[in-house]
Amino acid sequence: MFQWMGSEARAAFEGAAHLIDRPAGSLIYAEGDEGDTMFRIRSGAVRLTVLRDDGRELLFQIYHAGGCFGTSSVVDGGKRPQTAEAYEDCKLEVVDGRQIAALRAAHPDLNDAMLRLLSMNMRLLIDYFAGSNLDGIVAWLAQRLEEAGRAFGKETSEGVLLTKPLSQSEFAAMVGTSRQTVNKALAELRGRGLIASRGRYLLIPDLDELKAVGERGLGPG
């Protein structure tokens, strides 16, 4: 959000915030909770997920340093639409609703930044919906893995190595499907040479090629 704010608004936001620490794996808030605070990640990463009606968990996004979340509940007063958990040890800036209202009144560029953030999330949801329903699970998974590679991948001589091991359940959560289905999709991507395993970690030889598959799907084998 800070990319759309001036220096005065950024300084005011940080001045109003208080800092909290959350260890990896800890709950920040649960889907359906009441809440009028928003968060900005000073360091670490946060995992946002949504629980589906059938009990499966869908990974919405992983946010890293600089990322803001919890915004929608501050804006509309509604319940938390996702569950937020610390994906890594985190230091978070926390600002409550009354402080946000005062900041928005004093700094119009904060209003614009919040609108841009909400618009970006809406576009992300539209893109996710289209990908999961039109492109098929393989292309959808390719898109999410490409995003993961850019978010927490490390450049190596072979390509980009994800710095966190992902379990079958986490792969399934990325696309909101069963582990059996996602295993077939992973096998397809491996067979095309688009991903490879390096012990517990996943290697992506070419992020741009994987992105292309996410956008247009797989062509003939």
Protein backbone atom coordinates (compact mmCIF):
# COMPACT_ATOMS: atom_id res chain seq x y z
CA MET A 1 0.00 0.00 0.00
CA PHE A 2 2.91 2.35 0.70
CA GLN A 3 3.77 2.46 -3.01
CA TRP A 4 0.72 4.69 -3.55
CA MET A 5 1.27 6.94 -0.49
CA GLY A 6 3.38 10.05 -0.01
CA SER A 7 6.13 10.25 2.59
CA GLU A 8 3.97 12.17 5.09
CA ALA A 9 1.18 9.60 4.97
CA ARG A 10 3.65 6.72 5.30
CA ALA A 11 5.27 8.35 8.32
CA ALA A 12 1.86 9.02 9.90
CA PHE A 13 0.78 5.42 9.38
CA GLU A 14 3.94 4.06 10.97
CA GLY A 15 3.63 6.56 13.81
CA ALA A 16 0.08 5.42 14.57
CA ALA A 17 0.92 1.71 14.41
CA HIS A 18 2.05 -0.47 17.28
CA LEU A 19 4.28 -3.46 16.66
CA ILE A 20 3.53 -7.08 17.50
CA ASP A 21 5.58 -10.23 16.98
CA ARG A 22 4.05 -13.51 15.86
CA PRO A 23 6.02 -16.77 15.57
CA ALA A 24 5.71 -18.97 12.49
CA GLY A 25 2.53 -21.07 12.54
CA SER A 26 0.63 -18.83 14.95
CA LEU A 27 -2.88 -17.52 14.31
CA ILE A 28 -3.32 -13.78 13.71
CA TYR A 29 -7.07 -13.93 13.17
CA ALA A 30 -9.60 -16.51 11.99
CA GLU A 31 -12.13 -16.35 9.17
CA GLY A 32 -15.40 -15.02 10.58
CA ASP A 33 -13.79 -13.12 13.47
CA GLU A 34 -14.87 -9.59 14.27
CA GLY A 35 -12.09 -7.09 13.67
CA ASP A 36 -11.43 -3.42 13.02
CA THR A 37 -7.64 -3.50 12.74
CA MET A 38 -5.45 -3.69 9.68
CA PHE A 39 -1.91 -4.95 9.48
CA ARG A 40 1.28 -4.19 7.56
CA ILE A 41 4.13 -6.70 7.54
CA ARG A 42 7.40 -5.19 8.74
CA SER A 43 9.26 -8.50 8.35
CA GLY A 44 8.37 -12.15 7.71
CA ALA A 45 5.41 -13.56 5.76
CA VAL A 46 1.69 -14.14 6.38
CA ARG A 47 -0.52 -16.83 4.86
CA LEU A 48 -4.18 -16.00 4.12
CA THR A 49 -6.59 -18.89 3.58
CA VAL A 50 -10.33 -19.43 3.11
CA LEU A 51 -12.25 -22.49 4.33
CA ARG A 52 -14.62 -23.91 1.74
CA ASP A 53 -18.07 -25.30 2.54
CA ASP A 54 -16.82 -28.87 2.00
CA GLY A 55 -14.08 -28.39 4.60
CA ARG A 56 -11.20 -27.91 2.18
CA GLU A 57 -8.83 -25.00 2.68
CA LEU A 58 -8.04 -22.62 -0.19
CA LEU A 59 -4.83 -20.62 -0.10
CA PHE A 60 -5.72 -17.04 -1.05
CA GLN A 61 -2.28 -15.47 -0.92
CA ILE A 62 1.05 -15.29 0.90
CA TYR A 63 2.04 -11.75 1.82
CA HIS A 64 5.62 -10.66 2.49
CA ALA A 65 7.32 -7.59 3.95
CA GLY A 66 5.42 -4.44 2.98
CA GLY A 67 2.15 -6.30 2.38
CA CYS A 68 -1.05 -5.04 4.04
CA PHE A 69 -4.01 -7.20 5.04
CA GLY A 70 -7.17 -6.93 7.12
CA THR A 71 -8.20 -3.88 5.11
CA SER A 72 -11.70 -4.94 4.10
CA SER A 73 -12.94 -5.31 7.69
CA VAL A 74 -11.67 -1.81 8.49
CA VAL A 75 -13.47 -0.39 5.46
CA ASP A 76 -16.85 -2.15 5.72
CA GLY A 77 -16.96 -3.27 9.37
CA GLY A 78 -17.65 -6.85 8.30
CA LYS A 79 -16.17 -10.06 9.64
CA ARG A 80 -12.77 -11.32 8.55
CA PRO A 81 -13.12 -12.94 5.10
CA GLN A 82 -9.97 -15.07 5.51
CA THR A 83 -7.81 -16.70 8.16
CA ALA A 84 -4.41 -15.06 8.63
CA GLU A 85 -1.51 -17.12 9.99
CA ALA A 86 2.18 -16.32 10.36
CA TYR A 87 3.93 -18.22 7.58
CA GLU A 88 7.29 -17.16 8.98
CA ASP A 89 8.26 -15.38 12.20
CA CYS A 90 6.63 -11.96 11.73
CA LYS A 91 6.84 -8.42 12.97
CA LEU A 92 3.57 -6.64 12.20
CA GLU A 93 2.45 -3.02 12.29
CA VAL A 94 -1.13 -2.85 13.63
CA VAL A 95 -3.47 0.14 13.24
CA ASP A 96 -7.06 0.15 14.52
CA GLY A 97 -10.14 1.46 12.77
CA ARG A 98 -10.36 4.77 14.65
CA GLN A 99 -6.73 5.54 13.84
CA ILE A 100 -7.29 4.64 10.18
CA ALA A 101 -10.31 6.99 10.04
CA ALA A 102 -8.21 9.85 11.42
CA LEU A 103 -5.36 9.08 9.02
CA ARG A 104 -7.73 8.98 6.05
CA ALA A 105 -9.15 12.39 7.02
CA ALA A 106 -5.68 13.91 7.34
CA HIS A 107 -4.05 12.21 4.36
CA PRO A 108 -6.19 11.86 1.20
CA ASP A 109 -3.48 9.78 -0.47
CA LEU A 110 -4.12 7.07 2.13
CA ASN A 111 -7.73 6.87 0.89
CA ASP A 112 -6.46 6.45 -2.66
CA ALA A 113 -3.96 3.80 -1.55
CA MET A 114 -6.65 1.78 0.25
CA LEU A 115 -8.91 1.92 -2.81
CA ARG A 116 -6.05 0.76 -5.01
CA LEU A 117 -5.29 -2.08 -2.60
CA LEU A 118 -8.91 -3.24 -2.54
CA SER A 119 -9.10 -2.97 -6.33
CA MET A 120 -5.91 -5.02 -6.69
CA ASN A 121 -7.38 -7.73 -4.45
CA MET A 122 -10.63 -7.71 -6.44
CA ARG A 123 -8.70 -8.15 -9.69
CA LEU A 124 -6.74 -10.98 -8.07
CA LEU A 125 -9.96 -12.75 -7.10
CA ILE A 126 -11.38 -12.35 -10.62
CA ASP A 127 -8.17 -13.75 -12.07
CA TYR A 128 -8.24 -16.67 -9.63
CA PHE A 129 -11.89 -17.42 -10.42
CA ALA A 130 -11.28 -17.36 -14.15
CA GLY A 131 -8.18 -19.51 -13.85
CA SER A 132 -9.79 -22.15 -11.67
CA ASN A 133 -12.87 -22.47 -13.87
CA LEU A 134 -11.57 -21.92 -17.40
CA ASP A 135 -7.93 -22.85 -17.61
CA GLY A 136 -8.03 -26.10 -15.73
CA ILE A 137 -6.20 -27.22 -12.64
CA VAL A 138 -2.81 -27.62 -14.37
CA ALA A 139 -2.72 -24.04 -15.66
CA TRP A 140 -4.10 -22.74 -12.37
CA LEU A 141 -1.42 -24.55 -10.39
CA ALA A 142 1.27 -23.28 -12.79
CA GLN A 143 0.12 -19.74 -12.13
CA ARG A 144 0.22 -20.14 -8.35
CA LEU A 145 3.65 -21.81 -8.44
CA GLU A 146 5.00 -19.02 -10.64
CA GLU A 147 3.74 -16.51 -8.06
CA ALA A 148 5.39 -18.51 -5.26
CA GLY A 149 8.66 -18.61 -7.20
CA ARG A 150 8.72 -14.85 -7.53
CA ALA A 151 7.67 -14.32 -3.90
CA PHE A 152 10.05 -16.67 -2.08
CA GLY A 153 12.24 -18.34 -4.69
CA LYS A 154 16.04 -18.28 -4.82
CA GLU A 155 17.97 -18.05 -8.07
CA THR A 156 20.26 -21.04 -8.71
CA SER A 157 22.21 -22.34 -11.70
CA GLU A 158 19.29 -24.68 -12.48
CA GLY A 159 16.50 -22.14 -12.10
CA VAL A 160 14.46 -20.81 -9.18
CA LEU A 161 14.35 -22.96 -6.05
CA LEU A 162 11.46 -22.41 -3.64
CA THR A 163 12.97 -21.68 -0.23
CA LYS A 164 10.07 -23.31 1.64
CA PRO A 165 8.97 -26.94 1.27
CA LEU A 166 5.32 -27.27 0.25
CA SER A 167 3.25 -30.26 1.33
CA GLN A 168 0.61 -32.02 -0.78
CA SER A 169 -2.05 -30.31 1.35
CA GLU A 170 -0.53 -26.89 0.64
CA PHE A 171 -0.40 -27.59 -3.10
CA ALA A 172 -4.06 -28.63 -2.95
CA ALA A 173 -4.92 -25.48 -0.99
CA MET A 174 -3.33 -23.36 -3.70
CA VAL A 175 -5.99 -24.40 -6.18
CA GLY A 176 -8.82 -25.54 -3.93
CA THR A 177 -8.87 -29.16 -5.02
CA SER A 178 -8.07 -32.60 -3.62
CA ARG A 179 -4.55 -33.92 -3.10
CA GLN A 180 -5.20 -36.66 -5.66
CA THR A 181 -6.14 -34.13 -8.33
CA VAL A 182 -3.24 -31.82 -7.55
CA ASN A 183 -0.81 -34.75 -7.66
CA LYS A 184 -1.92 -35.46 -11.24
CA ALA A 185 -1.40 -31.79 -12.11
CA LEU A 186 2.07 -31.79 -10.52
CA ALA A 187 2.96 -34.94 -12.46
CA GLU A 188 1.87 -33.22 -15.69
CA LEU A 189 4.06 -30.20 -14.94
CA ARG A 190 7.00 -32.45 -14.05
CA GLY A 191 6.53 -34.47 -17.22
CA ARG A 192 6.73 -31.28 -19.28
CA GLY A 193 9.94 -30.25 -17.48
CA LEU A 194 8.27 -27.19 -15.98
CA ILE A 195 9.05 -28.17 -12.37
CA ALA A 196 11.39 -30.62 -10.67
CA SER A 197 12.03 -31.85 -7.14
CA ARG A 198 15.22 -31.13 -5.24
CA GLY A 199 14.78 -33.07 -2.04
CA ARG A 200 11.92 -31.45 -0.11
CA TYR A 201 12.03 -28.36 -2.30
CA LEU A 202 10.59 -27.52 -5.70
CA LEU A 203 12.70 -26.23 -8.58
CA ILE A 204 11.26 -24.11 -11.37
CA PRO A 205 13.68 -24.13 -14.32
CA ASP A 206 12.02 -21.19 -16.12
CA LEU A 207 9.57 -18.86 -14.36
CA ASP A 208 8.54 -17.14 -17.58
CA GLU A 209 7.67 -20.46 -19.23
CA LEU A 210 5.63 -21.49 -16.19
CA LYS A 211 3.86 -18.11 -16.28
CA ALA A 212 2.99 -18.67 -19.95
CA VAL A 213 1.42 -22.03 -19.10
CA GLY A 214 -0.60 -20.33 -16.36
CA GLU A 215 -1.90 -17.79 -18.84
CA ARG A 216 -2.64 -19.99 -21.87
CA GLY A 217 -2.65 -23.56 -20.54
CA LEU A 218 -0.65 -26.50 -21.81
CA GLY A 219 -0.42 -27.10 -25.52
CA PRO A 220 0.02 -30.55 -27.09
CA GLY A 221 2.59 -32.70 -25.26
